[in-house]
Amino acid sequence: MKTLEMLQVMKYYYRLRSNNIMKMKYSNYLAVLGLCCISCTGKQNKSITKENILKPNIIYILADDMGYGDLRSLNQDSRIPTPNMDKLVHEGIHFTDYHSGSAVSTPTRYGILTGRYAFRTRLKKGVLWGYSPSLIEPGRVTVASFLKENGYNTACIGKWHLGLDWVKKDQSAEIPDVQGNYEVPKDFQDNVDYSKPVKGGPQDHGFDYSFIIPASLDMSPYLYLFHGEVVEEPSEYTEGKDQNRDGRGVFWRCGKVSPSFDFDKVLPTFIDSACHYIKSFANIEKPFFLYLALPAPHTPWLPVNEYIGLSKAGRYGDFVAMVDDMIGKILKTLDDTDINENTLIIITSDNGSDWRPSDIEQFGHRANFIYRGRKADIYEGGHHEPFVARWIGVIPAGEKSDEIMCSTDLFATLAGMLHRTMPDSFAEDSYDLWPAFIGKVNTPVRETIIHHSEQGYYSIRKGNWKFTPYLGSGGFTEPIIVIPKDGETPGTLYDLKKDIQEKNNLYNQYPEIVEELKLLLEKYKEQGYSRPMKVN
């Protein structure tokens, strides 16, 4: 069945549902997706070959705003049950010093898919929004296009948040880039022609299959896109939710919404879609790469009834417990399809949890573990994330690695796993950590790593040293920006081996290290790459 035919099938069912001709359950709708998927594969049930074993299926699960301290296996004092992620920790490897490429969503996602720091693009701070144009440059090689060239089927399911090139209704007018907490009026005219295919999404960056929402689940427009086409036009309006009125974490902005869009069901919908995809592509000759970008536990925190009260960390904890259970459904699908031994599964997060000091005080739960700060900050709590990987029989079970690792390293690591050489023309900030995955690394792989905050603060890490040429969090934690007075230290230097909580600023005690890291940071920013390359 061709893509257009699949889209027409889905639009037909949505039209029936929105017109009240029939009441269609989400499970039935997803069954349609599954049938379409199976039709595409032609039910090629082939035996596993030696080539398949050398090329495992790859499932990369990216949680949204989940902290290192949420997993009970990584934080014995966690107030949240996470049995499925804990199972993966025990059956695979976890990295204790893994960092997202940014302390917020969009730039981290850009780095994951391109192997390049997002500060090298037009996005110098902040994130993109629902109407923002595409961030990934046309023609740029991505993890998906690289794997596709190396014999993989590729799929993107979940939250995109990398911009889309919507088609204008009126070519002489612009599409408003609605940002922040702008109050979108009910009669808002966005100038988008939702009947036209959208460019700049997953299908233009190496993914064969895509089923996404444009941005975060608290950013309009609220709709699904399948293979670059809107499933149901956002012809209705939502007043949004307000945390002050509706409770901590219950928040989404007002704006356009599809009539059948149900915020509570977005996470289960994506999980069901992913399970259908895995079942459909489990035992064919070509392996698959599934980039599963969860919209949770980012706001809105929407645990459904069966998860309410499951944790001791309030609504957020219950939502993380729901996320863990959804991951359990993925693991069960791997069991049911008997592809566990030929599947590399990775679970991580795009940045730290937005867990405030008041939340810690109320619940006694440290979502960002012992690290200072929270989501968006240049402090460790903004970007020091869980990273767990399992490939049964290949990655030693129950191992941990203290290697410094960045989310940009996915690209080179998968290339290393496949024994493919990466040219110098792409993945400029990606290092091959595969030897660390399988316990065959003796010396540190990464010399440095660059951190980046929501407000555009930079920080550089080399070995145990972390240097930041600013004061303040550069994110959400107060004070955000601190202007040093005459004679005051203008930045920070921490020895993270001795001071992981960033309490003792050694800036004045080690001026030579400050100068070295300052020059190195500027060098990597200006030269356009940070991994070893041959320079003509």
Protein backbone atom coordinates (compact mmCIF):
# COMPACT_ATOMS: atom_id res chain seq x y z
CA MET A 1 0.00 0.00 0.00
CA LYS A 2 1.46 3.37 -0.97
CA THR A 3 1.92 6.26 1.45
CA LEU A 4 -0.88 8.27 -0.15
CA GLU A 5 -3.25 5.32 0.17
CA MET A 6 -2.32 4.90 3.84
CA LEU A 7 -2.97 8.57 4.46
CA GLN A 8 -6.32 8.39 2.71
CA VAL A 9 -7.32 5.42 4.88
CA MET A 10 -6.48 7.34 8.05
CA LYS A 11 -8.15 10.53 6.89
CA TYR A 12 -11.25 8.53 6.01
CA TYR A 13 -11.50 7.11 9.53
CA TYR A 14 -10.79 10.50 11.12
CA ARG A 15 -13.49 12.09 8.96
CA LEU A 16 -16.00 9.49 10.03
CA ARG A 17 -15.06 9.97 13.65
CA SER A 18 -15.14 13.78 13.62
CA ASN A 19 -18.52 13.73 11.84
CA ASN A 20 -19.91 11.35 14.47
CA ILE A 21 -20.71 8.80 11.75
CA MET A 22 -18.87 6.25 13.80
CA LYS A 23 -17.12 6.17 17.17
CA MET A 24 -13.65 4.91 16.45
CA LYS A 25 -11.41 3.82 19.29
CA TYR A 26 -7.74 4.70 19.16
CA SER A 27 -6.90 1.00 19.16
CA ASN A 28 -8.87 0.58 15.93
CA TYR A 29 -7.18 3.59 14.39
CA LEU A 30 -3.77 2.21 15.30
CA ALA A 31 -4.77 -1.15 13.87
CA VAL A 32 -5.17 0.69 10.57
CA LEU A 33 -1.61 2.00 10.98
CA GLY A 34 -0.42 -1.51 11.69
CA LEU A 35 -2.19 -2.96 8.67
CA CYS A 36 -0.73 -0.23 6.48
CA CYS A 37 2.70 -0.95 7.86
CA ILE A 38 2.36 -4.68 7.21
CA SER A 39 1.12 -3.99 3.70
CA CYS A 40 4.24 -1.94 3.05
CA THR A 41 6.50 -4.82 4.08
CA GLY A 42 4.63 -7.39 2.06
CA LYS A 43 4.88 -9.67 5.13
CA GLN A 44 8.44 -10.64 4.27
CA ASN A 45 9.09 -13.20 6.98
CA LYS A 46 12.73 -14.07 6.45
CA SER A 47 15.18 -15.94 8.62
CA ILE A 48 17.90 -14.05 10.44
CA THR A 49 21.17 -14.07 8.49
CA LYS A 50 24.76 -13.37 9.52
CA GLU A 51 24.41 -9.92 7.96
CA ASN A 52 21.37 -9.24 10.17
CA ILE A 53 23.33 -10.19 13.27
CA LEU A 54 26.04 -7.69 12.32
CA LYS A 55 23.29 -5.12 11.82
CA PRO A 56 20.95 -5.23 14.80
CA ASN A 57 17.60 -3.53 14.91
CA ILE A 58 18.01 -0.23 16.76
CA ILE A 59 15.37 1.32 19.01
CA TYR A 60 16.29 4.72 20.41
CA ILE A 61 13.79 5.89 23.03
CA LEU A 62 14.10 9.54 23.93
CA ALA A 63 12.16 10.53 27.03
CA ASP A 64 11.19 14.19 27.35
CA ASP A 65 12.32 16.04 30.51
CA MET A 66 13.12 12.90 32.51
CA GLY A 67 15.87 13.23 35.12
CA TYR A 68 18.73 10.95 36.11
CA GLY A 69 17.28 10.59 39.59
CA ASP A 70 13.89 9.34 38.40
CA LEU A 71 15.18 5.80 37.75
CA ARG A 72 15.20 3.76 40.94
CA SER A 73 18.14 1.70 39.71
CA LEU A 74 20.23 4.89 39.41
CA ASN A 75 18.88 6.59 42.53
CA GLN A 76 18.00 4.33 45.44
CA ASP A 77 16.04 7.20 46.99
CA SER A 78 13.80 7.68 43.95
CA ARG A 79 10.14 7.93 44.90
CA ILE A 80 9.02 6.51 41.56
CA PRO A 81 8.69 2.82 40.54
CA THR A 82 10.56 2.25 37.26
CA PRO A 83 10.79 -1.57 36.95
CA ASN A 84 11.11 -1.67 33.16
CA MET A 85 13.91 0.85 32.85
CA ASP A 86 15.56 -0.80 35.87
CA LYS A 87 15.39 -4.12 34.04
CA LEU A 88 17.34 -2.60 31.14
CA VAL A 89 19.93 -1.16 33.54
CA HIS A 90 20.49 -4.64 34.99
CA GLU A 91 20.53 -6.35 31.58
CA GLY A 92 22.73 -3.82 29.80
CA ILE A 93 25.06 -0.91 30.43
CA HIS A 94 24.41 2.52 31.87
CA PHE A 95 26.62 5.56 31.49
CA THR A 96 27.17 7.60 34.65
CA ASP A 97 28.59 10.68 32.87
CA TYR A 98 26.25 11.09 29.89
CA HIS A 99 25.09 14.56 28.84
CA SER A 100 22.45 15.89 26.49
CA GLY A 101 23.87 18.32 23.92
CA SER A 102 21.75 21.07 25.41
CA ALA A 103 19.71 21.68 28.53
CA VAL A 104 16.54 22.05 26.42
CA SER A 105 14.69 20.06 23.78
CA THR A 106 15.22 21.27 20.20
CA PRO A 107 19.02 21.64 20.23
CA THR A 108 19.47 18.24 21.85
CA ARG A 109 17.27 16.61 19.20
CA TYR A 110 19.21 18.33 16.44
CA GLY A 111 22.47 16.99 17.89
CA ILE A 112 21.13 13.45 18.27
CA LEU A 113 20.11 13.22 14.62
CA THR A 114 23.03 15.14 13.07
CA GLY A 115 25.97 14.51 15.40
CA ARG A 116 26.50 18.27 15.49
CA TYR A 117 26.06 20.84 18.25
CA ALA A 118 22.95 22.92 17.56
CA PHE A 119 24.67 26.18 18.53
CA ARG A 120 26.34 25.90 15.10
CA THR A 121 22.92 26.56 13.52
CA ARG A 122 20.71 29.67 13.62
CA LEU A 123 19.41 28.53 17.02
CA LYS A 124 21.76 30.18 19.51
CA LYS A 125 19.41 29.87 22.47
CA GLY A 126 15.96 28.62 23.37
CA VAL A 127 13.85 26.15 21.39
CA LEU A 128 11.69 26.05 18.29
CA TRP A 129 7.89 26.24 18.42
CA GLY A 130 4.98 24.64 16.61
CA TYR A 131 5.06 26.98 13.62
CA SER A 132 8.87 27.40 13.44
CA PRO A 133 10.61 26.50 10.16
CA SER A 134 12.85 23.45 9.93
CA LEU A 135 16.20 23.56 11.71
CA ILE A 136 17.97 20.64 10.02
CA GLU A 137 19.59 21.96 6.88
CA PRO A 138 18.45 20.46 3.54
CA GLY A 139 20.87 17.76 2.45
CA ARG A 140 22.54 17.37 5.84
CA VAL A 141 23.35 13.74 6.57
CA THR A 142 21.47 12.44 9.60
CA VAL A 143 21.65 9.25 11.61
CA ALA A 144 18.53 8.10 9.76
CA SER A 145 19.86 8.81 6.25
CA PHE A 146 23.21 7.24 7.18
CA LEU A 147 21.53 4.06 8.44
CA LYS A 148 19.22 4.00 5.44
CA GLU A 149 22.25 4.02 3.14
CA ASN A 150 23.59 1.13 5.20
CA GLY A 151 20.59 -1.11 4.69
CA TYR A 152 18.12 -0.03 7.37
CA ASN A 153 14.42 0.71 7.36
CA THR A 154 13.99 3.93 9.33
CA ALA A 155 11.09 5.27 11.37
CA CYS A 156 10.39 8.37 13.45
CA ILE A 157 7.47 8.20 15.88
CA GLY A 158 6.61 10.83 18.49
CA LYS A 159 7.61 14.39 19.21
CA TRP A 160 9.54 16.08 16.38
CA HIS A 161 10.30 19.60 17.69
CA LEU A 162 12.83 20.40 14.97
CA GLY A 163 10.67 22.75 12.95
CA LEU A 164 8.49 22.17 9.89
CA ASP A 165 8.14 24.09 6.65
CA TRP A 166 4.40 24.63 6.58
CA VAL A 167 2.81 25.65 3.26
CA LYS A 168 1.29 29.15 3.19
CA LYS A 169 -2.29 29.78 2.18
CA ASP A 170 -1.41 33.31 1.15
CA GLN A 171 2.06 33.40 -0.40
CA SER A 172 2.32 37.14 0.15
CA ALA A 173 1.91 36.81 3.94
CA GLU A 174 4.02 35.09 6.60
CA ILE A 175 3.16 32.24 8.94
CA PRO A 176 3.36 33.70 12.48
CA ASP A 177 6.07 32.06 14.56
CA VAL A 178 4.02 31.81 17.74
CA GLN A 179 6.41 31.65 20.69
CA GLY A 180 6.36 31.55 24.47
CA ASN A 181 3.11 32.26 26.22
CA TYR A 182 1.61 34.33 23.43
CA GLU A 183 -2.16 34.26 23.85
CA VAL A 184 -3.42 32.84 20.57
CA PRO A 185 -6.94 34.25 19.98
CA LYS A 186 -9.84 32.06 18.93
CA ASP A 187 -9.98 33.73 15.51
CA PHE A 188 -6.22 33.30 15.00
CA GLN A 189 -5.27 33.08 11.33
CA ASP A 190 -2.03 31.11 11.03
CA ASN A 191 -1.93 31.22 7.19
CA VAL A 192 -1.16 27.48 7.01
CA ASP A 193 -2.63 25.33 4.25
CA TYR A 194 -3.10 22.09 6.16
CA SER A 195 -4.23 20.23 3.05
CA LYS A 196 -0.70 20.40 1.59
CA PRO A 197 2.24 18.13 2.45
CA VAL A 198 4.67 19.63 4.95
CA LYS A 199 8.39 19.78 4.16
CA GLY A 200 11.35 19.76 6.51
CA GLY A 201 10.08 16.89 8.65
CA PRO A 202 11.37 13.35 9.21
CA GLN A 203 10.57 12.23 5.66
CA ASP A 204 13.04 14.82 4.32
CA HIS A 205 15.79 13.77 6.69
CA GLY A 206 16.18 10.05 6.12
CA PHE A 207 13.08 8.49 7.67
CA ASP A 208 11.00 6.10 5.56
CA TYR A 209 8.14 6.14 8.04
CA SER A 210 6.98 8.97 10.28
CA PHE A 211 4.09 9.63 12.65
CA ILE A 212 4.62 12.75 14.75
CA ILE A 213 3.33 15.81 16.55
CA PRO A 214 5.05 19.05 15.47
CA ALA A 215 6.57 20.10 18.81
CA SER A 216 6.05 19.70 22.55
CA LEU A 217 2.62 18.67 23.80
CA ASP A 218 2.13 22.14 25.24
CA MET A 219 2.76 23.98 21.94
CA SER A 220 0.15 24.58 19.24
CA PRO A 221 -0.91 23.54 16.67
CA TYR A 222 -2.07 20.28 18.22
CA LEU A 223 -2.32 17.64 15.50
CA TYR A 224 -0.76 14.48 14.09
CA LEU A 225 1.28 14.26 10.90
CA PHE A 226 1.75 11.02 9.02
CA HIS A 227 4.49 10.96 6.38
CA GLY A 228 4.43 14.74 6.20
CA GLU A 229 0.67 15.11 5.80
CA VAL A 230 -1.77 16.39 8.39
CA VAL A 231 -4.07 13.59 9.53
CA GLU A 232 -6.85 15.93 10.67
CA GLU A 233 -6.93 19.71 10.20
CA PRO A 234 -6.81 21.74 13.44
CA SER A 235 -10.20 23.34 12.92
CA GLU A 236 -11.02 23.74 16.60
CA TYR A 237 -9.57 25.76 19.48
CA THR A 238 -8.31 24.83 22.94
CA GLU A 239 -8.26 27.33 25.78
CA GLY A 240 -5.24 25.54 27.15
CA LYS A 241 -4.46 24.61 30.75
CA ASP A 242 -2.93 26.76 33.49
CA GLN A 243 -0.81 25.26 36.29
CA ASN A 244 -2.03 27.90 38.73
CA ARG A 245 -5.62 26.87 38.04
CA ASP A 246 -5.38 23.22 37.00
CA GLY A 247 -2.51 21.96 39.15
CA ARG A 248 1.26 21.60 38.98
CA GLY A 249 2.34 20.24 35.61
CA VAL A 250 -1.12 20.43 34.00
CA PHE A 251 -0.27 22.90 31.30
CA TRP A 252 -0.60 23.47 27.59
CA ARG A 253 -0.91 26.69 25.64
CA CYS A 254 -4.06 27.84 23.91
CA GLY A 255 -4.28 27.43 20.15
CA LYS A 256 -5.51 25.40 17.22
CA VAL A 257 -6.32 21.74 17.73
CA SER A 258 -7.65 18.85 15.66
CA PRO A 259 -11.20 17.85 16.69
CA SER A 260 -10.14 14.29 17.57
CA PHE A 261 -6.89 15.23 19.32
CA ASP A 262 -6.92 13.91 22.88
CA PHE A 263 -3.99 15.09 25.02
CA ASP A 264 -4.38 12.17 27.43
CA LYS A 265 -3.96 9.64 24.64
CA VAL A 266 -0.96 11.04 22.79
CA LEU A 267 1.64 9.00 24.70
CA PRO A 268 -0.30 5.69 24.46
CA THR A 269 -1.01 6.41 20.79
CA PHE A 270 2.67 6.71 19.98
CA ILE A 271 3.53 3.61 21.99
CA ASP A 272 0.85 1.58 20.21
CA SER A 273 2.08 2.88 16.87
CA ALA A 274 5.66 1.91 17.76
CA CYS A 275 4.56 -1.58 18.80
CA HIS A 276 2.72 -2.03 15.51
CA TYR A 277 5.81 -0.88 13.64
CA ILE A 278 8.08 -3.32 15.50
CA LYS A 279 5.71 -6.22 14.88
CA SER A 280 5.50 -5.36 11.20
CA PHE A 281 9.23 -5.04 10.65
CA ALA A 282 10.50 -7.56 13.20
CA ASN A 283 11.50 -10.47 11.03
CA ILE A 284 12.27 -9.17 7.57
CA GLU A 285 15.69 -9.15 5.93
CA LYS A 286 16.40 -5.46 6.47
CA PRO A 287 16.91 -4.35 10.06
CA PHE A 288 15.08 -1.28 11.33
CA PHE A 289 16.00 1.92 13.17
CA LEU A 290 13.16 3.30 15.27
CA TYR A 291 13.60 6.78 16.72
CA LEU A 292 10.86 6.87 19.35
CA ALA A 293 10.69 10.39 20.79
CA LEU A 294 8.24 10.31 23.69
CA PRO A 295 6.28 13.50 24.52
CA ALA A 296 6.58 12.65 28.23
CA PRO A 297 7.15 13.26 31.09
CA HIS A 298 7.24 16.83 29.73
CA THR A 299 4.21 18.99 30.52
CA PRO A 300 1.33 18.44 30.46
CA TRP A 301 1.72 15.81 33.19
CA LEU A 302 -1.16 13.51 32.32
CA PRO A 303 -1.01 10.14 34.03
CA VAL A 304 -4.19 8.21 33.26
CA ASN A 305 -6.29 6.68 36.02
CA GLU A 306 -4.42 3.40 36.52
CA TYR A 307 -1.18 5.27 37.28
CA ILE A 308 -2.53 7.89 39.66
CA GLY A 309 -1.06 7.36 43.11
CA LEU A 310 1.47 4.80 41.87
CA SER A 311 4.45 6.94 42.92
CA LYS A 312 5.26 9.07 45.94
CA ALA A 313 6.27 12.04 43.81
CA GLY A 314 2.89 13.48 42.93
CA ARG A 315 1.48 13.87 39.44
CA TYR A 316 4.95 14.03 37.89
CA GLY A 317 6.04 10.80 39.55
CA ASP A 318 2.88 9.06 38.41
CA PHE A 319 3.55 10.26 34.85
CA VAL A 320 7.13 8.91 34.94
CA ALA A 321 5.69 5.61 36.19
CA MET A 322 3.36 5.65 33.19
CA VAL A 323 6.31 6.34 30.88
CA ASP A 324 8.10 3.35 32.39
CA ASP A 325 5.07 1.15 31.81
CA MET A 326 4.85 2.33 28.19
CA ILE A 327 8.50 1.33 27.75
CA GLY A 328 7.50 -2.02 29.21
CA LYS A 329 5.03 -2.43 26.33
CA ILE A 330 7.92 -1.94 23.90
CA LEU A 331 9.97 -4.56 25.75
CA LYS A 332 7.04 -6.99 25.68
CA THR A 333 6.72 -6.48 21.94
CA LEU A 334 10.38 -7.40 21.54
CA ASP A 335 9.69 -10.56 23.55
CA ASP A 336 6.57 -11.38 21.54
CA THR A 337 8.38 -10.96 18.21
CA ASP A 338 11.44 -12.86 19.43
CA ILE A 339 13.93 -10.21 18.32
CA ASN A 340 15.51 -9.35 21.69
CA GLU A 341 18.86 -10.89 20.80
CA ASN A 342 19.10 -8.91 17.58
CA THR A 343 17.99 -5.54 18.90
CA LEU A 344 19.98 -2.72 20.42
CA ILE A 345 17.66 -0.65 22.61
CA ILE A 346 18.70 2.69 24.09
CA ILE A 347 16.83 4.84 26.60
CA THR A 348 17.82 8.38 27.50
CA SER A 349 16.39 11.88 27.97
CA ASP A 350 16.68 15.15 26.05
CA ASN A 351 17.50 17.24 29.13
CA GLY A 352 16.95 17.42 32.87
CA SER A 353 13.61 17.36 34.61
CA ASP A 354 11.83 20.66 35.29
CA TRP A 355 11.70 19.73 38.97
CA ARG A 356 11.69 22.79 41.18
CA PRO A 357 13.17 23.19 44.69
CA SER A 358 9.59 23.42 45.97
CA ASP A 359 8.86 20.01 44.40
CA ILE A 360 11.87 18.49 46.16
CA GLU A 361 10.71 19.97 49.44
CA GLN A 362 7.15 18.72 48.99
CA PHE A 363 7.86 15.16 47.87
CA GLY A 364 11.43 14.40 48.95
CA HIS A 365 12.18 13.24 45.42
CA ARG A 366 15.23 14.44 43.51
CA ALA A 367 14.38 14.00 39.84
CA ASN A 368 17.81 15.32 38.82
CA PHE A 369 19.55 13.22 41.44
CA ILE A 370 22.21 15.05 43.45
CA TYR A 371 23.01 17.44 40.62
CA ARG A 372 22.60 21.19 40.92
CA GLY A 373 19.78 22.93 39.05
CA ARG A 374 17.18 21.61 36.66
CA LYS A 375 16.07 21.61 33.02
CA ALA A 376 17.43 24.55 30.96
CA ASP A 377 20.35 25.24 33.33
CA ILE A 378 24.06 25.17 32.55
CA TYR A 379 24.44 23.34 35.86
CA GLU A 380 24.69 19.53 35.81
CA GLY A 381 20.98 19.09 36.55
CA GLY A 382 20.18 20.65 33.18
CA HIS A 383 22.03 18.10 31.04
CA HIS A 384 23.45 15.20 33.12
CA GLU A 385 21.05 12.45 32.02
CA PRO A 386 20.41 8.72 32.26
CA PHE A 387 21.65 6.63 29.34
CA VAL A 388 20.94 2.91 29.23
CA ALA A 389 21.71 0.47 26.41
CA ARG A 390 21.00 -3.24 26.00
CA TRP A 391 21.94 -5.70 23.28
CA ILE A 392 21.68 -9.17 24.75
CA GLY A 393 24.81 -11.23 24.21
CA VAL A 394 26.83 -8.30 22.88
CA ILE A 395 26.73 -5.62 25.59
CA PRO A 396 27.78 -7.12 28.94
CA ALA A 397 24.89 -7.22 31.41
CA GLY A 398 24.90 -5.11 34.55
CA GLU A 399 27.83 -2.97 33.48
CA LYS A 400 28.38 0.75 33.95
CA SER A 401 30.73 3.15 32.20
CA ASP A 402 32.19 6.38 33.54
CA GLU A 403 33.13 7.56 30.04
CA ILE A 404 32.11 11.13 29.26
CA MET A 405 29.45 10.89 26.57
CA CYS A 406 27.26 13.38 24.69
CA SER A 407 23.96 12.91 22.88
CA THR A 408 25.75 13.93 19.67
CA ASP A 409 27.77 10.71 19.93
CA LEU A 410 24.93 8.47 18.74
CA PHE A 411 25.93 8.99 15.11
CA ALA A 412 29.60 7.96 15.38
CA THR A 413 28.81 5.23 17.90
CA LEU A 414 26.37 3.49 15.53
CA ALA A 415 28.84 3.94 12.67
CA GLY A 416 31.48 2.32 14.85
CA MET A 417 29.15 -0.54 15.73
CA LEU A 418 28.57 -1.14 12.00
CA HIS A 419 32.29 -0.79 11.22
CA ARG A 420 31.61 2.16 8.94
CA THR A 421 34.02 5.06 8.60
CA MET A 422 32.55 8.54 8.93
CA PRO A 423 33.78 11.16 6.48
CA ASP A 424 34.77 14.57 7.79
CA SER A 425 31.85 16.20 5.98
CA PHE A 426 29.24 15.51 8.68
CA ALA A 427 28.67 14.61 12.35
CA GLU A 428 31.23 17.23 13.33
CA ASP A 429 30.83 16.74 17.08
CA SER A 430 30.26 12.99 17.29
CA TYR A 431 32.62 10.48 18.93
CA ASP A 432 32.55 6.71 18.62
CA LEU A 433 31.77 5.33 22.10
CA TRP A 434 30.98 1.81 20.89
CA PRO A 435 34.12 0.35 22.51
CA ALA A 436 32.78 1.60 25.86
CA PHE A 437 29.43 -0.13 25.21
CA ILE A 438 31.13 -3.51 24.89
CA GLY A 439 33.80 -2.99 27.57
CA LYS A 440 36.77 -2.55 25.26
CA VAL A 441 38.01 0.93 26.08
CA ASN A 442 41.15 1.63 28.10
CA THR A 443 41.61 5.38 27.69
CA PRO A 444 39.03 8.18 27.60
CA VAL A 445 37.39 8.56 24.18
CA ARG A 446 36.29 12.17 24.53
CA GLU A 447 38.79 14.92 25.31
CA THR A 448 36.05 17.47 25.94
CA ILE A 449 32.34 18.13 25.82
CA ILE A 450 30.51 21.43 25.39
CA HIS A 451 27.34 22.18 27.37
CA HIS A 452 24.74 24.75 26.34
CA SER A 453 21.85 26.27 28.30
CA GLU A 454 18.43 27.64 27.39
CA GLN A 455 19.68 31.23 27.54
CA GLY A 456 22.70 30.41 25.37
CA TYR A 457 25.31 29.96 28.11
CA TYR A 458 28.31 27.82 27.16
CA SER A 459 30.33 25.54 29.39
CA ILE A 460 33.21 23.23 28.55
CA ARG A 461 34.21 20.02 30.31
CA LYS A 462 37.67 18.49 30.07
CA GLY A 463 38.40 15.54 32.30
CA ASN A 464 37.25 16.49 35.79
CA TRP A 465 37.21 20.22 35.06
CA LYS A 466 34.13 22.18 34.09
CA PHE A 467 34.52 25.82 33.08
CA THR A 468 31.70 28.30 32.52
CA PRO A 469 32.55 31.89 31.47
CA TYR A 470 29.38 33.27 33.10
CA LEU A 471 27.61 33.44 36.42
CA GLY A 472 24.05 32.29 36.99
CA SER A 473 22.13 29.26 35.72
CA GLY A 474 21.49 30.54 32.19
CA GLY A 475 18.26 28.58 32.41
CA PHE A 476 15.32 28.31 34.82
CA THR A 477 17.00 28.36 38.23
CA GLU A 478 17.29 31.76 39.90
CA PRO A 479 19.45 33.73 39.55
CA ILE A 480 19.46 33.17 35.79
CA ILE A 481 21.92 35.90 34.83
CA VAL A 482 24.46 37.45 37.18
CA ILE A 483 26.52 40.46 36.12
CA PRO A 484 29.77 40.38 38.09
CA LYS A 485 30.75 43.50 39.95
CA ASP A 486 34.24 45.00 39.70
CA GLY A 487 36.74 42.58 41.14
CA GLU A 488 34.32 39.66 41.27
CA THR A 489 34.99 36.32 39.64
CA PRO A 490 33.37 36.45 36.15
CA GLY A 491 32.85 32.71 35.77
CA THR A 492 33.10 29.31 37.43
CA LEU A 493 35.53 26.40 37.51
CA TYR A 494 34.57 23.17 39.24
CA ASP A 495 36.46 19.94 39.87
CA LEU A 496 33.56 17.56 39.30
CA LYS A 497 35.42 14.54 40.63
CA LYS A 498 35.50 16.15 44.05
CA ASP A 499 32.55 18.52 43.70
CA ILE A 500 29.79 17.09 41.49
CA GLN A 501 27.27 19.43 43.13
CA GLU A 502 29.19 22.49 41.94
CA LYS A 503 29.54 24.20 45.29
CA ASN A 504 33.23 25.17 45.38
CA ASN A 505 34.23 27.64 42.64
CA LEU A 506 37.96 27.26 41.92
CA TYR A 507 38.12 29.94 39.22
CA ASN A 508 40.67 32.09 41.08
CA GLN A 509 42.77 29.17 42.35
CA TYR A 510 43.56 27.72 38.90
CA PRO A 511 43.94 30.59 36.42
CA GLU A 512 46.00 28.46 34.02
CA ILE A 513 43.17 25.88 33.71
CA VAL A 514 40.63 28.68 33.25
CA GLU A 515 42.71 30.14 30.42
CA GLU A 516 43.25 26.75 28.78
CA LEU A 517 39.55 25.89 28.79
CA LYS A 518 38.54 29.37 27.70
CA LEU A 519 40.77 29.11 24.61
CA LEU A 520 39.62 25.56 23.89
CA LEU A 521 35.96 26.54 24.06
CA GLU A 522 36.50 29.40 21.61
CA LYS A 523 38.52 27.16 19.32
CA TYR A 524 35.78 24.54 19.08
CA LYS A 525 33.09 27.16 18.58
CA GLU A 526 34.97 28.94 15.79
CA GLN A 527 36.44 26.01 13.85
CA GLY A 528 33.05 24.34 13.37
CA TYR A 529 33.89 20.90 14.76
CA SER A 530 35.19 19.27 17.93
CA ARG A 531 36.01 15.70 16.91
CA PRO A 532 39.32 14.76 15.30
CA MET A 533 39.27 15.60 11.60
CA LYS A 534 41.72 15.89 8.76
CA VAL A 535 42.08 19.57 7.93
CA ASN A 536 43.11 20.46 4.39
